[in-house]
Amino acid sequence: SRAPARDVVITIVGYPADVEAVYLGDDGVLARAAAGTLAIDMTTSSPDLAASIAAEGAQQGIAVLDAPVSGGEPKAIDGTISVMVGGKK
């Protein structure tokens, strides 16, 4: 079954293997999200994996943005963290 309708799903997990499981797993975001959902992954991961997830999402009508953060916990605490976003405009 599909997840309840959501406009946006944002994830940030530990490692590329976690991103792959969260998005491409049998019970992952792409398996459960409805067409029209915007999915944003904020994990620092693999560009190739991000492109693969975006391509799979596009086939299902799910827009996927790769938006890793830079600066770690210290920068997050002091409010100076950076977010870099890649994806279709």
N, C-alpha and C. Protein backbone atom coordinates (compact mmCIF):
# COMPACT_ATOMS: atom_id res chain seq x y z
N SER A 1 0.83 -1.19 0.00
CA SER A 1 0.00 0.00 0.00
C SER A 1 0.87 1.24 0.00
N ARG A 2 0.29 2.33 -0.39
CA ARG A 2 1.01 3.59 -0.46
C ARG A 2 1.01 4.29 0.89
N ALA A 3 2.02 5.14 1.08
CA ALA A 3 2.06 5.97 2.29
C ALA A 3 0.97 7.04 2.18
N PRO A 4 0.54 7.57 3.31
CA PRO A 4 -0.43 8.67 3.24
C PRO A 4 0.12 9.81 2.38
N ALA A 5 -0.76 10.54 1.75
CA ALA A 5 -0.35 11.62 0.85
C ALA A 5 0.48 12.65 1.61
N ARG A 6 1.62 12.97 1.07
CA ARG A 6 2.52 13.99 1.60
C ARG A 6 3.02 14.80 0.44
N ASP A 7 3.21 16.09 0.65
CA ASP A 7 3.78 16.92 -0.41
C ASP A 7 5.29 16.73 -0.49
N VAL A 8 5.93 16.61 0.69
CA VAL A 8 7.39 16.55 0.76
C VAL A 8 7.82 15.51 1.78
N VAL A 9 8.85 14.74 1.41
CA VAL A 9 9.50 13.81 2.33
C VAL A 9 10.97 14.22 2.38
N ILE A 10 11.50 14.47 3.59
CA ILE A 10 12.90 14.85 3.76
C ILE A 10 13.58 13.78 4.58
N THR A 11 14.75 13.32 4.10
CA THR A 11 15.52 12.31 4.81
C THR A 11 16.94 12.79 5.02
N ILE A 12 17.54 12.32 6.11
CA ILE A 12 18.98 12.47 6.34
C ILE A 12 19.37 11.28 7.20
N VAL A 13 20.18 10.40 6.62
CA VAL A 13 20.58 9.16 7.29
C VAL A 13 22.10 9.08 7.29
N GLY A 14 22.65 7.97 7.76
CA GLY A 14 24.08 7.88 7.99
C GLY A 14 24.98 7.73 6.78
N TYR A 15 24.73 6.74 5.95
CA TYR A 15 25.68 6.37 4.90
C TYR A 15 24.95 6.09 3.59
N PRO A 16 25.69 6.02 2.46
CA PRO A 16 25.04 5.72 1.18
C PRO A 16 24.20 4.44 1.21
N ALA A 17 24.66 3.40 1.89
CA ALA A 17 23.87 2.16 1.97
C ALA A 17 22.52 2.41 2.65
N ASP A 18 22.51 3.33 3.62
CA ASP A 18 21.26 3.68 4.29
C ASP A 18 20.33 4.44 3.33
N VAL A 19 20.90 5.35 2.56
CA VAL A 19 20.11 6.10 1.57
C VAL A 19 19.48 5.14 0.57
N GLU A 20 20.28 4.21 0.08
CA GLU A 20 19.78 3.22 -0.88
C GLU A 20 18.62 2.43 -0.29
N ALA A 21 18.76 1.97 0.94
CA ALA A 21 17.70 1.19 1.58
C ALA A 21 16.45 2.04 1.80
N VAL A 22 16.63 3.27 2.25
CA VAL A 22 15.49 4.15 2.56
C VAL A 22 14.71 4.51 1.29
N TYR A 23 15.40 4.70 0.18
CA TYR A 23 14.73 5.11 -1.05
C TYR A 23 14.35 3.95 -1.96
N LEU A 24 15.24 2.97 -2.08
CA LEU A 24 15.03 1.92 -3.09
C LEU A 24 14.60 0.58 -2.49
N GLY A 25 14.54 0.48 -1.18
CA GLY A 25 14.13 -0.76 -0.53
C GLY A 25 12.68 -1.10 -0.84
N ASP A 26 12.32 -2.35 -0.59
CA ASP A 26 10.96 -2.82 -0.87
C ASP A 26 9.89 -1.99 -0.15
N ASP A 27 10.24 -1.43 0.99
CA ASP A 27 9.31 -0.61 1.76
C ASP A 27 9.80 0.84 1.84
N GLY A 28 10.63 1.23 0.86
CA GLY A 28 11.27 2.55 0.88
C GLY A 28 10.39 3.67 0.36
N VAL A 29 10.97 4.85 0.34
CA VAL A 29 10.26 6.05 -0.07
C VAL A 29 9.66 5.89 -1.46
N LEU A 30 10.45 5.41 -2.42
CA LEU A 30 9.93 5.33 -3.80
C LEU A 30 8.87 4.25 -3.96
N ALA A 31 8.91 3.24 -3.11
CA ALA A 31 7.89 2.19 -3.17
C ALA A 31 6.59 2.65 -2.53
N ARG A 32 6.67 3.62 -1.63
CA ARG A 32 5.50 3.99 -0.85
C ARG A 32 4.92 5.36 -1.16
N ALA A 33 5.73 6.27 -1.70
CA ALA A 33 5.26 7.64 -1.95
C ALA A 33 4.37 7.70 -3.19
N ALA A 34 3.44 8.61 -3.16
CA ALA A 34 2.53 8.80 -4.29
C ALA A 34 3.18 9.71 -5.33
N ALA A 35 2.73 9.57 -6.57
CA ALA A 35 3.17 10.48 -7.63
C ALA A 35 2.87 11.90 -7.18
N GLY A 36 3.77 12.82 -7.52
CA GLY A 36 3.60 14.21 -7.14
C GLY A 36 4.36 14.58 -5.88
N THR A 37 4.88 13.57 -5.17
CA THR A 37 5.67 13.83 -3.96
C THR A 37 7.02 14.41 -4.34
N LEU A 38 7.53 15.31 -3.52
CA LEU A 38 8.90 15.81 -3.63
C LEU A 38 9.70 15.15 -2.52
N ALA A 39 10.75 14.40 -2.87
CA ALA A 39 11.61 13.75 -1.90
C ALA A 39 12.96 14.44 -1.90
N ILE A 40 13.44 14.81 -0.72
CA ILE A 40 14.71 15.52 -0.58
C ILE A 40 15.60 14.72 0.35
N ASP A 41 16.74 14.26 -0.17
CA ASP A 41 17.69 13.54 0.67
C ASP A 41 18.83 14.48 1.05
N MET A 42 19.04 14.66 2.34
CA MET A 42 20.06 15.58 2.85
C MET A 42 21.30 14.86 3.36
N THR A 43 21.41 13.56 3.09
CA THR A 43 22.57 12.78 3.48
C THR A 43 23.74 13.12 2.57
N THR A 44 24.95 13.21 3.11
CA THR A 44 26.14 13.29 2.27
C THR A 44 26.38 11.89 1.74
N SER A 45 26.16 11.71 0.44
CA SER A 45 26.15 10.38 -0.13
C SER A 45 26.91 10.35 -1.44
N SER A 46 26.56 9.44 -2.30
CA SER A 46 27.21 9.25 -3.59
C SER A 46 26.43 9.97 -4.70
N PRO A 47 27.11 10.78 -5.52
CA PRO A 47 26.41 11.44 -6.64
C PRO A 47 25.76 10.42 -7.59
N ASP A 48 26.42 9.30 -7.82
CA ASP A 48 25.84 8.28 -8.71
C ASP A 48 24.57 7.70 -8.11
N LEU A 49 24.56 7.47 -6.81
CA LEU A 49 23.36 6.96 -6.14
C LEU A 49 22.25 8.00 -6.21
N ALA A 50 22.58 9.25 -5.98
CA ALA A 50 21.57 10.31 -6.05
C ALA A 50 20.95 10.37 -7.45
N ALA A 51 21.77 10.25 -8.48
CA ALA A 51 21.26 10.28 -9.85
C ALA A 51 20.36 9.07 -10.12
N SER A 52 20.75 7.91 -9.61
CA SER A 52 19.96 6.70 -9.78
C SER A 52 18.60 6.82 -9.09
N ILE A 53 18.59 7.34 -7.88
CA ILE A 53 17.35 7.53 -7.15
C ILE A 53 16.46 8.54 -7.87
N ALA A 54 17.05 9.62 -8.35
CA ALA A 54 16.27 10.64 -9.07
C ALA A 54 15.65 10.06 -10.34
N ALA A 55 16.40 9.24 -11.06
CA ALA A 55 15.88 8.63 -12.28
C ALA A 55 14.73 7.68 -11.98
N GLU A 56 14.90 6.87 -10.93
CA GLU A 56 13.83 5.95 -10.54
C GLU A 56 12.60 6.72 -10.07
N GLY A 57 12.82 7.77 -9.31
CA GLY A 57 11.71 8.61 -8.85
C GLY A 57 10.97 9.24 -10.01
N ALA A 58 11.71 9.74 -10.99
CA ALA A 58 11.08 10.38 -12.16
C ALA A 58 10.16 9.41 -12.89
N GLN A 59 10.55 8.15 -12.97
CA GLN A 59 9.71 7.14 -13.63
C GLN A 59 8.38 6.95 -12.91
N GLN A 60 8.36 7.30 -11.62
CA GLN A 60 7.15 7.11 -10.81
C GLN A 60 6.44 8.43 -10.52
N GLY A 61 6.92 9.51 -11.13
CA GLY A 61 6.30 10.81 -10.91
C GLY A 61 6.67 11.44 -9.58
N ILE A 62 7.79 11.00 -9.01
CA ILE A 62 8.28 11.53 -7.74
C ILE A 62 9.54 12.33 -8.02
N ALA A 63 9.53 13.62 -7.70
CA ALA A 63 10.72 14.46 -7.88
C ALA A 63 11.66 14.22 -6.71
N VAL A 64 12.95 14.05 -7.02
CA VAL A 64 13.94 13.78 -5.98
C VAL A 64 15.05 14.81 -6.09
N LEU A 65 15.36 15.46 -4.98
CA LEU A 65 16.49 16.39 -4.90
C LEU A 65 17.55 15.81 -3.99
N ASP A 66 18.82 16.01 -4.37
CA ASP A 66 19.96 15.64 -3.56
C ASP A 66 20.42 16.93 -2.87
N ALA A 67 20.34 16.98 -1.55
CA ALA A 67 20.63 18.22 -0.82
C ALA A 67 21.52 17.97 0.40
N PRO A 68 22.77 17.52 0.17
CA PRO A 68 23.62 17.23 1.31
C PRO A 68 23.98 18.49 2.09
N VAL A 69 24.21 18.29 3.37
CA VAL A 69 24.61 19.39 4.24
C VAL A 69 26.12 19.32 4.47
N SER A 70 26.71 20.46 4.72
CA SER A 70 28.14 20.55 4.97
C SER A 70 28.38 21.34 6.24
N GLY A 71 29.25 20.86 7.08
CA GLY A 71 29.59 21.58 8.28
C GLY A 71 29.40 20.77 9.55
N GLY A 72 28.63 19.71 9.45
CA GLY A 72 28.45 18.82 10.60
C GLY A 72 27.74 19.47 11.77
N GLU A 73 27.75 18.76 12.87
CA GLU A 73 27.03 19.20 14.06
C GLU A 73 27.47 20.56 14.58
N PRO A 74 28.79 20.86 14.64
CA PRO A 74 29.18 22.18 15.15
C PRO A 74 28.57 23.34 14.34
N LYS A 75 28.57 23.22 13.03
CA LYS A 75 28.01 24.29 12.19
C LYS A 75 26.48 24.33 12.31
N ALA A 76 25.86 23.17 12.49
CA ALA A 76 24.41 23.14 12.68
C ALA A 76 24.04 23.85 13.98
N ILE A 77 24.80 23.59 15.02
CA ILE A 77 24.53 24.21 16.32
C ILE A 77 24.66 25.72 16.25
N ASP A 78 25.70 26.21 15.54
CA ASP A 78 25.88 27.67 15.50
C ASP A 78 25.14 28.33 14.32
N GLY A 79 24.36 27.55 13.58
CA GLY A 79 23.51 28.11 12.54
C GLY A 79 24.21 28.50 11.26
N THR A 80 25.37 27.91 10.98
CA THR A 80 26.12 28.27 9.77
C THR A 80 26.32 27.09 8.82
N ILE A 81 25.49 26.09 8.96
CA ILE A 81 25.59 24.92 8.08
C ILE A 81 25.22 25.31 6.64
N SER A 82 25.80 24.63 5.68
CA SER A 82 25.50 24.88 4.27
C SER A 82 24.74 23.70 3.69
N VAL A 83 23.79 23.99 2.80
CA VAL A 83 23.05 22.96 2.08
C VAL A 83 23.28 23.19 0.60
N MET A 84 23.72 22.14 -0.10
CA MET A 84 23.92 22.20 -1.55
C MET A 84 22.83 21.35 -2.19
N VAL A 85 22.12 21.90 -3.15
CA VAL A 85 20.97 21.18 -3.71
C VAL A 85 21.21 20.89 -5.19
N GLY A 86 20.97 19.65 -5.58
CA GLY A 86 21.06 19.25 -6.97
C GLY A 86 19.77 18.54 -7.39
N GLY A 87 19.34 18.82 -8.60
CA GLY A 87 18.15 18.17 -9.13
C GLY A 87 17.54 19.04 -10.21
N LYS A 88 16.43 18.59 -10.75
CA LYS A 88 15.74 19.38 -11.77
C LYS A 88 15.16 20.63 -11.16
N LYS A 89 15.20 21.72 -11.90
CA LYS A 89 14.71 23.02 -11.41
C LYS A 89 13.23 22.98 -11.11
